[in-house]
Amino acid sequence: MTDQIKNIGDVSHLTKTHYKVASSAEDLETILKIRTAVFVGEDGYPPDRIKVNADDYNLLGFYEGVPKGTIAVTLGQSETLPLGSTLGWKGITVAEIHKLAIIKDARKTPIALGLMVLAYEYTKKHAKDILSFCLKNKESHIHTLEKFGFKIIKEFNFLDQPAYILHLNLEDTTFEKEKSYRRLKLLKKLLVK
């Protein structure tokens, strides 16, 4: 379903949020600004590490019409992707859900959860193994990933900060069965036009 969606729709009557698949240079520039504000301004990343790959599945989340968050999905063979190669995986088709960035004043809105649901729904159609990355001090991000069934599988240092790689194998989890009804209801709300 999300493969075909370019503008996911305004659900302001429900949550004052709407979501969009990035499809223009302007969208990619907006994503870069959000990532820079969060990753450089708050997390101390070097500015030259902040990029937007137009080949990724990039989503934007809006609150009251203003872009406030973003997330990306990268698909490929494990050895060609940053997290898969860090784990030493070879020959596995994986998806990496990464770069969840929410502007500080929107962190109490449903934007992060909405972006995560949409990224997850897209990802599960393309790979059975899903990886994500999170700095250890991002407890709310880790908690969100764990709600989806992700488990921490590696701790390492990233730019001198403790970080985790989290993994979800869709074939080994009961998450799909246990949570599918609630997630389906949420997804329907997010996709209402």
Protein backbone atom coordinates (compact mmCIF):
# COMPACT_ATOMS: atom_id res chain seq x y z
CA MET A 1 0.00 0.00 0.00
CA THR A 2 2.68 2.55 0.96
CA ASP A 3 4.67 1.70 -2.19
CA GLN A 4 2.02 3.51 -4.20
CA ILE A 5 1.48 6.44 -1.88
CA LYS A 6 3.16 9.70 -2.74
CA ASN A 7 1.24 11.98 -0.38
CA ILE A 8 -0.03 9.89 2.46
CA GLY A 9 -2.68 12.38 3.43
CA ASP A 10 -3.82 14.90 5.95
CA VAL A 11 -5.26 13.47 9.13
CA SER A 12 -5.44 16.80 10.92
CA HIS A 13 -8.98 16.06 12.02
CA LEU A 14 -7.52 13.17 14.07
CA THR A 15 -4.08 14.24 15.24
CA LYS A 16 -3.00 17.45 13.49
CA THR A 17 -0.39 15.35 11.69
CA HIS A 18 0.19 14.20 8.16
CA TYR A 19 2.96 12.27 6.43
CA LYS A 20 4.54 12.37 3.03
CA VAL A 21 7.00 10.32 1.03
CA ALA A 22 9.78 12.70 -0.02
CA SER A 23 9.53 13.20 -3.75
CA SER A 24 11.17 16.53 -4.58
CA ALA A 25 14.42 18.39 -4.07
CA GLU A 26 12.55 20.66 -1.65
CA ASP A 27 11.48 17.64 0.43
CA LEU A 28 15.08 16.37 0.56
CA GLU A 29 16.30 19.83 1.63
CA THR A 30 13.67 19.86 4.41
CA ILE A 31 14.88 16.44 5.57
CA LEU A 32 18.48 17.72 5.61
CA LYS A 33 17.44 20.70 7.76
CA ILE A 34 15.60 18.49 10.26
CA ARG A 35 18.50 16.02 10.48
CA THR A 36 21.00 18.84 10.92
CA ALA A 37 18.94 20.42 13.72
CA VAL A 38 18.67 17.12 15.59
CA PHE A 39 21.86 15.23 14.78
CA VAL A 40 24.30 18.16 14.70
CA GLY A 41 22.52 20.59 17.01
CA GLU A 42 21.57 18.09 19.73
CA ASP A 43 23.62 14.92 19.24
CA GLY A 44 26.95 16.46 18.30
CA TYR A 45 27.41 14.77 14.91
CA PRO A 46 29.90 16.47 12.60
CA PRO A 47 27.98 18.45 9.95
CA ASP A 48 29.71 16.58 7.11
CA ARG A 49 28.09 13.31 8.31
CA ILE A 50 24.58 14.62 7.61
CA LYS A 51 23.37 13.58 4.18
CA VAL A 52 20.15 12.59 2.44
CA ASN A 53 20.20 9.70 -0.01
CA ALA A 54 17.51 10.29 -2.63
CA ASP A 55 17.45 6.52 -3.33
CA ASP A 56 16.24 5.80 0.21
CA TYR A 57 12.57 5.65 1.10
CA ASN A 58 12.42 9.00 2.93
CA LEU A 59 9.36 10.07 4.88
CA LEU A 60 8.44 13.46 6.30
CA GLY A 61 6.09 14.00 9.23
CA PHE A 62 4.19 17.26 9.65
CA TYR A 63 2.47 18.75 12.68
CA GLU A 64 -0.07 21.49 12.01
CA GLY A 65 1.33 21.78 8.48
CA VAL A 66 4.95 22.29 9.55
CA PRO A 67 7.62 19.63 8.86
CA LYS A 68 8.77 18.27 12.21
CA GLY A 69 10.20 14.82 11.62
CA THR A 70 11.78 12.39 9.21
CA ILE A 71 12.82 8.76 8.89
CA ALA A 72 14.52 6.76 6.13
CA VAL A 73 14.57 3.15 4.94
CA THR A 74 17.43 1.64 2.96
CA LEU A 75 17.08 -1.77 1.31
CA GLY A 76 19.94 -3.99 0.13
CA GLN A 77 22.34 -6.80 0.80
CA SER A 78 23.65 -6.84 4.35
CA GLU A 79 27.31 -6.45 3.42
CA THR A 80 26.59 -3.29 1.42
CA LEU A 81 24.70 -1.46 4.17
CA PRO A 82 26.30 0.21 7.21
CA LEU A 83 24.58 -1.80 9.94
CA GLY A 84 24.72 -5.14 8.13
CA SER A 85 28.42 -4.75 7.42
CA THR A 86 29.08 -3.64 11.03
CA LEU A 87 27.54 -6.94 12.13
CA GLY A 88 29.58 -8.89 9.57
CA TRP A 89 26.45 -10.22 7.88
CA LYS A 90 26.82 -11.46 4.30
CA GLY A 91 24.27 -12.42 1.65
CA ILE A 92 21.16 -11.41 3.59
CA THR A 93 18.57 -9.06 2.14
CA VAL A 94 17.94 -6.51 4.88
CA ALA A 95 16.19 -3.26 5.45
CA GLU A 96 17.64 -0.55 7.62
CA ILE A 97 15.22 1.85 9.28
CA HIS A 98 17.33 4.81 10.27
CA LYS A 99 17.71 8.53 10.81
CA LEU A 100 14.55 9.03 12.84
CA ALA A 101 14.78 12.72 13.70
CA ILE A 102 12.05 14.73 15.41
CA ILE A 103 12.37 18.46 16.08
CA LYS A 104 12.42 19.02 19.83
CA ASP A 105 9.12 20.91 20.08
CA ALA A 106 7.27 18.03 18.36
CA ARG A 107 8.49 15.15 20.50
CA LYS A 108 5.25 14.91 22.46
CA THR A 109 3.24 14.55 19.24
CA PRO A 110 2.51 11.23 17.48
CA ILE A 111 4.93 12.04 14.65
CA ALA A 112 7.69 9.59 15.66
CA LEU A 113 5.24 6.72 16.05
CA GLY A 114 3.51 7.56 12.76
CA LEU A 115 6.80 7.70 10.88
CA MET A 116 7.90 4.43 12.45
CA VAL A 117 4.64 2.66 11.56
CA LEU A 118 4.85 3.81 7.95
CA ALA A 119 8.54 2.87 7.64
CA TYR A 120 7.87 -0.52 9.21
CA GLU A 121 4.92 -1.26 6.92
CA TYR A 122 7.01 -0.39 3.87
CA THR A 123 10.03 -2.34 5.10
CA LYS A 124 8.30 -5.59 5.95
CA LYS A 125 7.27 -6.01 2.31
CA HIS A 126 10.91 -6.08 1.20
CA ALA A 127 12.93 -7.93 3.84
CA LYS A 128 12.50 -10.34 6.72
CA ASP A 129 15.43 -8.88 8.63
CA ILE A 130 15.15 -5.27 9.72
CA LEU A 131 17.97 -3.37 11.42
CA SER A 132 17.99 -0.03 13.16
CA PHE A 133 20.56 2.12 14.93
CA CYS A 134 20.16 4.28 17.99
CA LEU A 135 22.39 6.20 20.36
CA LYS A 136 22.15 4.71 23.84
CA ASN A 137 20.96 8.01 25.35
CA LYS A 138 17.89 8.09 23.03
CA GLU A 139 15.71 6.10 25.42
CA SER A 140 12.40 7.09 23.83
CA HIS A 141 13.65 6.02 20.39
CA ILE A 142 14.85 2.68 21.79
CA HIS A 143 11.48 2.21 23.51
CA THR A 144 9.64 2.92 20.24
CA LEU A 145 11.73 0.33 18.39
CA GLU A 146 11.17 -2.22 21.15
CA LYS A 147 7.40 -1.70 20.81
CA PHE A 148 7.78 -2.99 17.27
CA GLY A 149 9.65 -6.05 18.51
CA PHE A 150 13.22 -4.94 17.87
CA LYS A 151 15.88 -6.34 20.18
CA ILE A 152 19.32 -4.88 20.92
CA ILE A 153 21.93 -7.17 19.37
CA LYS A 154 25.10 -5.07 19.49
CA GLU A 155 26.49 -2.22 21.52
CA PHE A 156 29.33 -0.18 20.03
CA ASN A 157 30.76 3.33 19.94
CA PHE A 158 29.58 5.74 17.28
CA LEU A 159 31.39 9.09 17.17
CA ASP A 160 32.59 8.48 20.74
CA GLN A 161 29.05 7.83 21.98
CA PRO A 162 27.59 4.48 23.06
CA ALA A 163 25.11 3.19 20.49
CA TYR A 164 23.03 0.11 19.72
CA ILE A 165 22.13 -1.89 16.66
CA LEU A 166 18.65 -3.34 17.00
CA HIS A 167 17.24 -6.23 14.96
CA LEU A 168 13.82 -7.56 14.10
CA ASN A 169 13.40 -10.85 12.24
CA LEU A 170 9.84 -11.04 10.96
CA GLU A 171 9.94 -14.83 10.71
CA ASP A 172 11.00 -15.32 14.33
CA THR A 173 8.70 -12.86 16.03
CA THR A 174 5.17 -13.17 17.32
CA PHE A 175 4.90 -9.39 17.07
CA GLU A 176 3.01 -9.51 13.78
CA LYS A 177 0.29 -11.70 15.24
CA GLU A 178 0.08 -9.95 18.60
CA LYS A 179 0.16 -6.37 17.39
CA SER A 180 -1.26 -6.49 13.88
CA TYR A 181 -4.79 -5.46 14.81
CA ARG A 182 -3.70 -2.40 16.83
CA ARG A 183 -1.12 -1.43 14.19
CA LEU A 184 -3.67 -1.86 11.41
CA LYS A 185 -6.05 0.53 13.19
CA LEU A 186 -3.24 3.07 13.64
CA LEU A 187 -2.14 2.70 10.02
CA LYS A 188 -5.71 3.27 8.81
CA LYS A 189 -5.86 6.49 10.85
CA LEU A 190 -2.53 7.66 9.41
CA LEU A 191 -3.63 6.93 5.86
CA VAL A 192 -7.04 8.60 6.05
CA LYS A 193 -7.33 11.38 3.50
